[in-house]
Amino acid sequence: MWYYLSSLLTLLRQTRNGYVCFGLLLHKKPVVIKLKNGCQFKVRSLMDVWIVKETCLDRDYESNATPIQDGWTIIDIGAGLGDFAISVAY
């Protein structure tokens, strides 16, 4: 339970418009999340929101790996939103 509450706080603190995520509960129209670092993601569901949060805000992909260095070439071969590739490009 604490994880989900802290995740909501993370979304509200580290986005310019985190409140739009609550609209996904009321209607199924995609919304655009704007991160404070300038990245923007069109999300279609709460699962998309969670993926952006864990990848871009929590940086889960980097927590147990070598930190990304400037000048590296990153190839994102996933089947998701492209959030990892966009976040490391910033």
PDB file of N, CA and C in Angstrom:
ATOM      1  N   MET A   1       0.823  -1.196   0.000  1.00  0.00           N
ATOM      2  CA  MET A   1       0.000   0.000   0.000  1.00  0.00           C
ATOM      3  C   MET A   1       0.871   1.267   0.000  1.00  0.00           C
ATOM      4  N   TRP A   2       1.935   1.256   0.828  1.00  0.00           N
ATOM      5  CA  TRP A   2       2.820   2.421   0.909  1.00  0.00           C
ATOM      6  C   TRP A   2       3.459   2.721  -0.447  1.00  0.00           C
ATOM      7  N   TYR A   3       3.827   1.664  -1.167  1.00  0.00           N
ATOM      8  CA  TYR A   3       4.452   1.854  -2.480  1.00  0.00           C
ATOM      9  C   TYR A   3       3.537   2.666  -3.399  1.00  0.00           C
ATOM     10  N   TYR A   4       2.265   2.329  -3.427  1.00  0.00           N
ATOM     11  CA  TYR A   4       1.330   3.011  -4.319  1.00  0.00           C
ATOM     12  C   TYR A   4       1.102   4.462  -3.898  1.00  0.00           C
ATOM     13  N   LEU A   5       1.014   4.709  -2.610  1.00  0.00           N
ATOM     14  CA  LEU A   5       0.853   6.083  -2.129  1.00  0.00           C
ATOM     15  C   LEU A   5       2.089   6.922  -2.440  1.00  0.00           C
ATOM     16  N   SER A   6       3.259   6.350  -2.201  1.00  0.00           N
ATOM     17  CA  SER A   6       4.485   7.098  -2.499  1.00  0.00           C
ATOM     18  C   SER A   6       4.643   7.304  -4.006  1.00  0.00           C
ATOM     19  N   SER A   7       4.150   6.358  -4.794  1.00  0.00           N
ATOM     20  CA  SER A   7       4.200   6.502  -6.250  1.00  0.00           C
ATOM     21  C   SER A   7       3.325   7.661  -6.719  1.00  0.00           C
ATOM     22  N   LEU A   8       2.165   7.818  -6.113  1.00  0.00           N
ATOM     23  CA  LEU A   8       1.299   8.947  -6.458  1.00  0.00           C
ATOM     24  C   LEU A   8       1.980  10.268  -6.134  1.00  0.00           C
ATOM     25  N   LEU A   9       2.641  10.325  -4.986  1.00  0.00           N
ATOM     26  CA  LEU A   9       3.371  11.539  -4.614  1.00  0.00           C
ATOM     27  C   LEU A   9       4.500  11.825  -5.603  1.00  0.00           C
ATOM     28  N   THR A  10       5.201  10.778  -6.018  1.00  0.00           N
ATOM     29  CA  THR A  10       6.270  10.938  -7.013  1.00  0.00           C
ATOM     30  C   THR A  10       5.714  11.523  -8.306  1.00  0.00           C
ATOM     31  N   LEU A  11       4.601  10.985  -8.772  1.00  0.00           N
ATOM     32  CA  LEU A  11       3.986  11.485 -10.008  1.00  0.00           C
ATOM     33  C   LEU A  11       3.591  12.953  -9.878  1.00  0.00           C
ATOM     34  N   LEU A  12       3.017  13.313  -8.747  1.00  0.00           N
ATOM     35  CA  LEU A  12       2.577  14.696  -8.568  1.00  0.00           C
ATOM     36  C   LEU A  12       3.754  15.658  -8.433  1.00  0.00           C
ATOM     37  N   ARG A  13       4.830  15.224  -7.795  1.00  0.00           N
ATOM     38  CA  ARG A  13       5.995  16.089  -7.583  1.00  0.00           C
ATOM     39  C   ARG A  13       6.869  16.234  -8.822  1.00  0.00           C
ATOM     40  N   GLN A  14       6.989  15.163  -9.615  1.00  0.00           N
ATOM     41  CA  GLN A  14       7.965  15.165 -10.701  1.00  0.00           C
ATOM     42  C   GLN A  14       7.354  15.343 -12.089  1.00  0.00           C
ATOM     43  N   THR A  15       6.081  15.726 -12.116  1.00  0.00           N
ATOM     44  CA  THR A  15       5.440  16.038 -13.389  1.00  0.00           C
ATOM     45  C   THR A  15       4.874  17.451 -13.324  1.00  0.00           C
ATOM     46  N   ARG A  16       4.669  18.016 -14.488  1.00  0.00           N
ATOM     47  CA  ARG A  16       4.060  19.353 -14.540  1.00  0.00           C
ATOM     48  C   ARG A  16       2.541  19.265 -14.458  1.00  0.00           C
ATOM     49  N   ASN A  17       1.998  18.108 -14.817  1.00  0.00           N
ATOM     50  CA  ASN A  17       0.544  17.953 -14.878  1.00  0.00           C
ATOM     51  C   ASN A  17       0.114  16.551 -14.443  1.00  0.00           C
ATOM     52  N   GLY A  18       0.655  16.050 -13.365  1.00  0.00           N
ATOM     53  CA  GLY A  18       0.341  14.697 -12.903  1.00  0.00           C
ATOM     54  C   GLY A  18      -1.130  14.460 -12.635  1.00  0.00           C
ATOM     55  N   TYR A  19      -1.855  15.529 -12.357  1.00  0.00           N
ATOM     56  CA  TYR A  19      -3.285  15.423 -12.090  1.00  0.00           C
ATOM     57  C   TYR A  19      -4.060  14.827 -13.265  1.00  0.00           C
ATOM     58  N   VAL A  20      -3.536  14.947 -14.497  1.00  0.00           N
ATOM     59  CA  VAL A  20      -4.256  14.417 -15.659  1.00  0.00           C
ATOM     60  C   VAL A  20      -4.391  12.897 -15.591  1.00  0.00           C
ATOM     61  N   CYS A  21      -3.525  12.251 -14.823  1.00  0.00           N
ATOM     62  CA  CYS A  21      -3.585  10.789 -14.699  1.00  0.00           C
ATOM     63  C   CYS A  21      -4.894  10.343 -14.067  1.00  0.00           C
ATOM     64  N   PHE A  22      -5.444  11.187 -13.197  1.00  0.00           N
ATOM     65  CA  PHE A  22      -6.704  10.834 -12.549  1.00  0.00           C
ATOM     66  C   PHE A  22      -7.849  10.791 -13.554  1.00  0.00           C
ATOM     67  N   GLY A  23      -7.704  11.522 -14.654  1.00  0.00           N
ATOM     68  CA  GLY A  23      -8.709  11.489 -15.706  1.00  0.00           C
ATOM     69  C   GLY A  23      -8.833  10.123 -16.354  1.00  0.00           C
ATOM     70  N   LEU A  24      -7.760   9.347 -16.319  1.00  0.00           N
ATOM     71  CA  LEU A  24      -7.810   7.995 -16.894  1.00  0.00           C
ATOM     72  C   LEU A  24      -8.755   7.089 -16.114  1.00  0.00           C
ATOM     73  N   LEU A  25      -9.006   7.433 -14.861  1.00  0.00           N
ATOM     74  CA  LEU A  25      -9.958   6.658 -14.061  1.00  0.00           C
ATOM     75  C   LEU A  25     -11.394   6.919 -14.513  1.00  0.00           C
ATOM     76  N   LEU A  26     -11.647   8.127 -15.001  1.00  0.00           N
ATOM     77  CA  LEU A  26     -13.005   8.531 -15.362  1.00  0.00           C
ATOM     78  C   LEU A  26     -13.358   8.244 -16.812  1.00  0.00           C
ATOM     79  N   HIS A  27     -12.393   8.392 -17.699  1.00  0.00           N
ATOM     80  CA  HIS A  27     -12.634   8.130 -19.118  1.00  0.00           C
ATOM     81  C   HIS A  27     -11.398   7.463 -19.707  1.00  0.00           C
ATOM     82  N   LYS A  28     -11.572   6.858 -20.831  1.00  0.00           N
ATOM     83  CA  LYS A  28     -10.494   6.059 -21.426  1.00  0.00           C
ATOM     84  C   LYS A  28      -9.742   6.797 -22.525  1.00  0.00           C
ATOM     85  N   LYS A  29      -9.836   8.124 -22.564  1.00  0.00           N
ATOM     86  CA  LYS A  29      -9.126   8.885 -23.595  1.00  0.00           C
ATOM     87  C   LYS A  29      -7.672   9.078 -23.184  1.00  0.00           C
ATOM     88  N   PRO A  30      -6.739   8.932 -24.121  1.00  0.00           N
ATOM     89  CA  PRO A  30      -5.318   9.137 -23.803  1.00  0.00           C
ATOM     90  C   PRO A  30      -5.052  10.560 -23.307  1.00  0.00           C
ATOM     91  N   VAL A  31      -4.052  10.680 -22.456  1.00  0.00           N
ATOM     92  CA  VAL A  31      -3.622  11.987 -21.952  1.00  0.00           C
ATOM     93  C   VAL A  31      -2.112  12.100 -22.139  1.00  0.00           C
ATOM     94  N   VAL A  32      -1.599  13.311 -22.076  1.00  0.00           N
ATOM     95  CA  VAL A  32      -0.161  13.547 -22.195  1.00  0.00           C
ATOM     96  C   VAL A  32       0.381  13.919 -20.824  1.00  0.00           C
ATOM     97  N   ILE A  33       1.368  13.147 -20.368  1.00  0.00           N
ATOM     98  CA  ILE A  33       2.056  13.452 -19.114  1.00  0.00           C
ATOM     99  C   ILE A  33       3.294  14.267 -19.473  1.00  0.00           C
ATOM    100  N   LYS A  34       3.487  15.375 -18.773  1.00  0.00           N
ATOM    101  CA  LYS A  34       4.648  16.240 -19.010  1.00  0.00           C
ATOM    102  C   LYS A  34       5.564  16.168 -17.797  1.00  0.00           C
ATOM    103  N   LEU A  35       6.741  15.583 -17.986  1.00  0.00           N
ATOM    104  CA  LEU A  35       7.709  15.499 -16.902  1.00  0.00           C
ATOM    105  C   LEU A  35       8.414  16.841 -16.740  1.00  0.00           C
ATOM    106  N   LYS A  36       8.913  17.092 -15.553  1.00  0.00           N
ATOM    107  CA  LYS A  36       9.579  18.370 -15.290  1.00  0.00           C
ATOM    108  C   LYS A  36      10.876  18.535 -16.070  1.00  0.00           C
ATOM    109  N   ASN A  37      11.456  17.427 -16.557  1.00  0.00           N
ATOM    110  CA  ASN A  37      12.691  17.541 -17.341  1.00  0.00           C
ATOM    111  C   ASN A  37      12.419  17.853 -18.812  1.00  0.00           C
ATOM    112  N   GLY A  38      11.144  17.969 -19.188  1.00  0.00           N
ATOM    113  CA  GLY A  38      10.784  18.313 -20.559  1.00  0.00           C
ATOM    114  C   GLY A  38      10.217  17.164 -21.373  1.00  0.00           C
ATOM    115  N   CYS A  39      10.407  15.934 -20.944  1.00  0.00           N
ATOM    116  CA  CYS A  39       9.860  14.778 -21.665  1.00  0.00           C
ATOM    117  C   CYS A  39       8.332  14.794 -21.588  1.00  0.00           C
ATOM    118  N   GLN A  40       7.706  14.341 -22.666  1.00  0.00           N
ATOM    119  CA  GLN A  40       6.254  14.215 -22.701  1.00  0.00           C
ATOM    120  C   GLN A  40       5.900  12.837 -23.233  1.00  0.00           C
ATOM    121  N   PHE A  41       4.878  12.229 -22.632  1.00  0.00           N
ATOM    122  CA  PHE A  41       4.448  10.898 -23.045  1.00  0.00           C
ATOM    123  C   PHE A  41       2.932  10.858 -23.160  1.00  0.00           C
ATOM    124  N   LYS A  42       2.455  10.328 -24.277  1.00  0.00           N
ATOM    125  CA  LYS A  42       1.023  10.099 -24.436  1.00  0.00           C
ATOM    126  C   LYS A  42       0.732   8.730 -23.839  1.00  0.00           C
ATOM    127  N   VAL A  43      -0.097   8.707 -22.798  1.00  0.00           N
ATOM    128  CA  VAL A  43      -0.408   7.454 -22.113  1.00  0.00           C
ATOM    129  C   VAL A  43      -1.879   7.109 -22.324  1.00  0.00           C
ATOM    130  N   ARG A  44      -2.129   5.814 -22.444  1.00  0.00           N
ATOM    131  CA  ARG A  44      -3.480   5.344 -22.737  1.00  0.00           C
ATOM    132  C   ARG A  44      -4.160   4.707 -21.550  1.00  0.00           C
ATOM    133  N   SER A  45      -3.371   4.361 -20.531  1.00  0.00           N
ATOM    134  CA  SER A  45      -3.933   3.651 -19.381  1.00  0.00           C
ATOM    135  C   SER A  45      -3.091   3.945 -18.146  1.00  0.00           C
ATOM    136  N   LEU A  46      -3.609   3.546 -16.998  1.00  0.00           N
ATOM    137  CA  LEU A  46      -2.841   3.710 -15.764  1.00  0.00           C
ATOM    138  C   LEU A  46      -1.572   2.862 -15.796  1.00  0.00           C
ATOM    139  N   MET A  47      -1.597   1.745 -16.508  1.00  0.00           N
ATOM    140  CA  MET A  47      -0.394   0.920 -16.634  1.00  0.00           C
ATOM    141  C   MET A  47       0.697   1.682 -17.389  1.00  0.00           C
ATOM    142  N   ASP A  48       0.322   2.420 -18.428  1.00  0.00           N
ATOM    143  CA  ASP A  48       1.298   3.261 -19.132  1.00  0.00           C
ATOM    144  C   ASP A  48       1.895   4.303 -18.188  1.00  0.00           C
ATOM    145  N   VAL A  49       1.052   4.897 -17.352  1.00  0.00           N
ATOM    146  CA  VAL A  49       1.525   5.893 -16.380  1.00  0.00           C
ATOM    147  C   VAL A  49       2.555   5.260 -15.457  1.00  0.00           C
ATOM    148  N   TRP A  50       2.251   4.060 -14.965  1.00  0.00           N
ATOM    149  CA  TRP A  50       3.154   3.372 -14.034  1.00  0.00           C
ATOM    150  C   TRP A  50       4.481   3.030 -14.707  1.00  0.00           C
ATOM    151  N   ILE A  51       4.427   2.639 -15.955  1.00  0.00           N
ATOM    152  CA  ILE A  51       5.652   2.320 -16.696  1.00  0.00           C
ATOM    153  C   ILE A  51       6.529   3.563 -16.833  1.00  0.00           C
ATOM    154  N   VAL A  52       5.933   4.697 -17.184  1.00  0.00           N
ATOM    155  CA  VAL A  52       6.690   5.949 -17.291  1.00  0.00           C
ATOM    156  C   VAL A  52       7.277   6.316 -15.936  1.00  0.00           C
ATOM    157  N   LYS A  53       6.497   6.174 -14.882  1.00  0.00           N
ATOM    158  CA  LYS A  53       6.972   6.499 -13.534  1.00  0.00           C
ATOM    159  C   LYS A  53       8.172   5.646 -13.149  1.00  0.00           C
ATOM    160  N   GLU A  54       8.070   4.340 -13.344  1.00  0.00           N
ATOM    161  CA  GLU A  54       9.157   3.449 -12.935  1.00  0.00           C
ATOM    162  C   GLU A  54      10.390   3.612 -13.823  1.00  0.00           C
ATOM    163  N   THR A  55      10.194   3.850 -15.102  1.00  0.00           N
ATOM    164  CA  THR A  55      11.324   3.967 -16.022  1.00  0.00           C
ATOM    165  C   THR A  55      11.991   5.334 -15.958  1.00  0.00           C
ATOM    166  N   CYS A  56      11.196   6.387 -16.020  1.00  0.00           N
ATOM    167  CA  CYS A  56      11.756   7.744 -16.136  1.00  0.00           C
ATOM    168  C   CYS A  56      11.964   8.442 -14.800  1.00  0.00           C
ATOM    169  N   LEU A  57      11.048   8.271 -13.875  1.00  0.00           N
ATOM    170  CA  LEU A  57      11.152   8.986 -12.605  1.00  0.00           C
ATOM    171  C   LEU A  57      11.937   8.191 -11.567  1.00  0.00           C
ATOM    172  N   ASP A  58      11.654   6.888 -11.463  1.00  0.00           N
ATOM    173  CA  ASP A  58      12.387   6.043 -10.512  1.00  0.00           C
ATOM    174  C   ASP A  58      13.698   5.532 -11.100  1.00  0.00           C
ATOM    175  N   ARG A  59      13.804   5.558 -12.433  1.00  0.00           N
ATOM    176  CA  ARG A  59      14.985   5.079 -13.170  1.00  0.00           C
ATOM    177  C   ARG A  59      15.319   3.626 -12.800  1.00  0.00           C
ATOM    178  N   ASP A  60      14.279   2.795 -12.761  1.00  0.00           N
ATOM    179  CA  ASP A  60      14.435   1.387 -12.389  1.00  0.00           C
ATOM    180  C   ASP A  60      15.417   0.633 -13.275  1.00  0.00           C
ATOM    181  N   TYR A  61      15.453   0.943 -14.566  1.00  0.00           N
ATOM    182  CA  TYR A  61      16.352   0.218 -15.463  1.00  0.00           C
ATOM    183  C   TYR A  61      17.810   0.453 -15.113  1.00  0.00           C
ATOM    184  N   GLU A  62      18.100   1.572 -14.495  1.00  0.00           N
ATOM    185  CA  GLU A  62      19.484   1.920 -14.172  1.00  0.00           C
ATOM    186  C   GLU A  62      19.878   1.572 -12.745  1.00  0.00           C
ATOM    187  N   SER A  63      18.931   1.182 -11.908  1.00  0.00           N
ATOM    188  CA  SER A  63      19.229   0.980 -10.486  1.00  0.00           C
ATOM    189  C   SER A  63      20.202  -0.171 -10.228  1.00  0.00           C
ATOM    190  N   ASN A  64      20.181  -1.194 -11.045  1.00  0.00           N
ATOM    191  CA  ASN A  64      21.068  -2.343 -10.840  1.00  0.00           C
ATOM    192  C   ASN A  64      22.048  -2.521 -11.995  1.00  0.00           C
ATOM    193  N   ALA A  65      22.296  -1.447 -12.705  1.00  0.00           N
ATOM    194  CA  ALA A  65      23.174  -1.538 -13.875  1.00  0.00           C
ATOM    195  C   ALA A  65      24.165  -0.381 -13.857  1.00  0.00           C
ATOM    196  N   THR A  66      25.003  -0.359 -14.844  1.00  0.00           N
ATOM    197  CA  THR A  66      25.962   0.733 -14.992  1.00  0.00           C
ATOM    198  C   THR A  66      25.206   2.006 -15.358  1.00  0.00           C
ATOM    199  N   PRO A  67      25.471   3.110 -14.686  1.00  0.00           N
ATOM    200  CA  PRO A  67      24.790   4.364 -15.034  1.00  0.00           C
ATOM    201  C   PRO A  67      25.094   4.777 -16.477  1.00  0.00           C
ATOM    202  N   ILE A  68      24.088   5.300 -17.147  1.00  0.00           N
ATOM    203  CA  ILE A  68      24.232   5.757 -18.525  1.00  0.00           C
ATOM    204  C   ILE A  68      25.180   6.958 -18.551  1.00  0.00           C
ATOM    205  N   GLN A  69      26.128   6.946 -19.483  1.00  0.00           N
ATOM    206  CA  GLN A  69      27.111   8.023 -19.607  1.00  0.00           C
ATOM    207  C   GLN A  69      26.795   8.888 -20.826  1.00  0.00           C
ATOM    208  N   ASP A  70      27.165  10.164 -20.765  1.00  0.00           N
ATOM    209  CA  ASP A  70      27.025  11.053 -21.927  1.00  0.00           C
ATOM    210  C   ASP A  70      27.824  10.482 -23.097  1.00  0.00           C
ATOM    211  N   GLY A  71      27.243  10.566 -24.289  1.00  0.00           N
ATOM    212  CA  GLY A  71      27.929  10.108 -25.486  1.00  0.00           C
ATOM    213  C   GLY A  71      27.671   8.655 -25.838  1.00  0.00           C
ATOM    214  N   TRP A  72      27.062   7.893 -24.950  1.00  0.00           N
ATOM    215  CA  TRP A  72      26.760   6.494 -25.250  1.00  0.00           C
ATOM    216  C   TRP A  72      25.652   6.419 -26.294  1.00  0.00           C
ATOM    217  N   THR A  73      25.652   5.347 -27.070  1.00  0.00           N
ATOM    218  CA  THR A  73      24.560   5.050 -27.982  1.00  0.00           C
ATOM    219  C   THR A  73      23.683   4.004 -27.316  1.00  0.00           C
ATOM    220  N   ILE A  74      22.407   4.321 -27.175  1.00  0.00           N
ATOM    221  CA  ILE A  74      21.459   3.421 -26.521  1.00  0.00           C
ATOM    222  C   ILE A  74      20.492   2.902 -27.573  1.00  0.00           C
ATOM    223  N   ILE A  75      20.303   1.595 -27.613  1.00  0.00           N
ATOM    224  CA  ILE A  75      19.338   0.979 -28.514  1.00  0.00           C
ATOM    225  C   ILE A  75      18.259   0.348 -27.646  1.00  0.00           C
ATOM    226  N   ASP A  76      17.050   0.874 -27.752  1.00  0.00           N
ATOM    227  CA  ASP A  76      15.913   0.377 -26.974  1.00  0.00           C
ATOM    228  C   ASP A  76      15.128  -0.568 -27.871  1.00  0.00           C
ATOM    229  N   ILE A  77      15.181  -1.864 -27.601  1.00  0.00           N
ATOM    230  CA  ILE A  77      14.513  -2.848 -28.459  1.00  0.00           C
ATOM    231  C   ILE A  77      13.247  -3.394 -27.812  1.00  0.00           C
ATOM    232  N   GLY A  78      12.732  -2.683 -26.839  1.00  0.00           N
ATOM    233  CA  GLY A  78      11.511  -3.110 -26.162  1.00  0.00           C
ATOM    234  C   GLY A  78      10.286  -2.895 -27.033  1.00  0.00           C
ATOM    235  N   ALA A  79       9.161  -3.304 -26.505  1.00  0.00           N
ATOM    236  CA  ALA A  79       7.901  -3.164 -27.237  1.00  0.00           C
ATOM    237  C   ALA A  79       6.962  -2.204 -26.521  1.00  0.00           C
ATOM    238  N   GLY A  80       7.532  -1.302 -25.753  1.00  0.00           N
ATOM    239  CA  GLY A  80       6.708  -0.393 -24.954  1.00  0.00           C
ATOM    240  C   GLY A  80       6.498   0.954 -25.617  1.00  0.00           C
ATOM    241  N   LEU A  81       6.518   1.988 -24.788  1.00  0.00           N
ATOM    242  CA  LEU A  81       6.244   3.351 -25.233  1.00  0.00           C
ATOM    243  C   LEU A  81       7.468   4.059 -25.784  1.00  0.00           C
ATOM    244  N   GLY A  82       8.643   3.470 -25.619  1.00  0.00           N
ATOM    245  CA  GLY A  82       9.879   4.150 -25.980  1.00  0.00           C
ATOM    246  C   GLY A  82      10.342   5.081 -24.883  1.00  0.00           C
ATOM    247  N   ASP A  83       9.765   4.916 -23.703  1.00  0.00           N
ATOM    248  CA  ASP A  83      10.051   5.815 -22.589  1.00  0.00           C
ATOM    249  C   ASP A  83      11.501   5.746 -22.135  1.00  0.00           C
ATOM    250  N   PHE A  84      12.099   4.584 -22.159  1.00  0.00           N
ATOM    251  CA  PHE A  84      13.495   4.485 -21.732  1.00  0.00           C
ATOM    252  C   PHE A  84      14.405   5.241 -22.693  1.00  0.00           C
ATOM    253  N   ALA A  85      14.219   5.026 -23.986  1.00  0.00           N
ATOM    254  CA  ALA A  85      15.053   5.703 -24.986  1.00  0.00           C
ATOM    255  C   ALA A  85      14.893   7.218 -24.895  1.00  0.00           C
ATOM    256  N   ILE A  86      13.676   7.677 -24.710  1.00  0.00           N
ATOM    257  CA  ILE A  86      13.434   9.119 -24.601  1.00  0.00           C
ATOM    258  C   ILE A  86      14.056   9.674 -23.330  1.00  0.00           C
ATOM    259  N   SER A  87      13.915   8.954 -22.222  1.00  0.00           N
ATOM    260  CA  SER A  87      14.440   9.471 -20.950  1.00  0.00           C
ATOM    261  C   SER A  87      15.963   9.553 -20.952  1.00  0.00           C
ATOM    262  N   VAL A  88      16.656   8.600 -21.559  1.00  0.00           N
ATOM    263  CA  VAL A  88      18.119   8.682 -21.582  1.00  0.00           C
ATOM    264  C   VAL A  88      18.602   9.700 -22.616  1.00  0.00           C
ATOM    265  N   ALA A  89      17.772  10.011 -23.601  1.00  0.00           N
ATOM    266  CA  ALA A  89      18.139  11.040 -24.572  1.00  0.00           C
ATOM    267  C   ALA A  89      18.147  12.422 -23.927  1.00  0.00           C
ATOM    268  N   TYR A  90      17.349  12.589 -22.875  1.00  0.00           N
ATOM    269  CA  TYR A  90      17.331  13.866 -22.167  1.00  0.00           C
ATOM    270  C   TYR A  90      18.475  13.897 -21.200  1.00  0.00           C
TER     271      TYR A  90
END
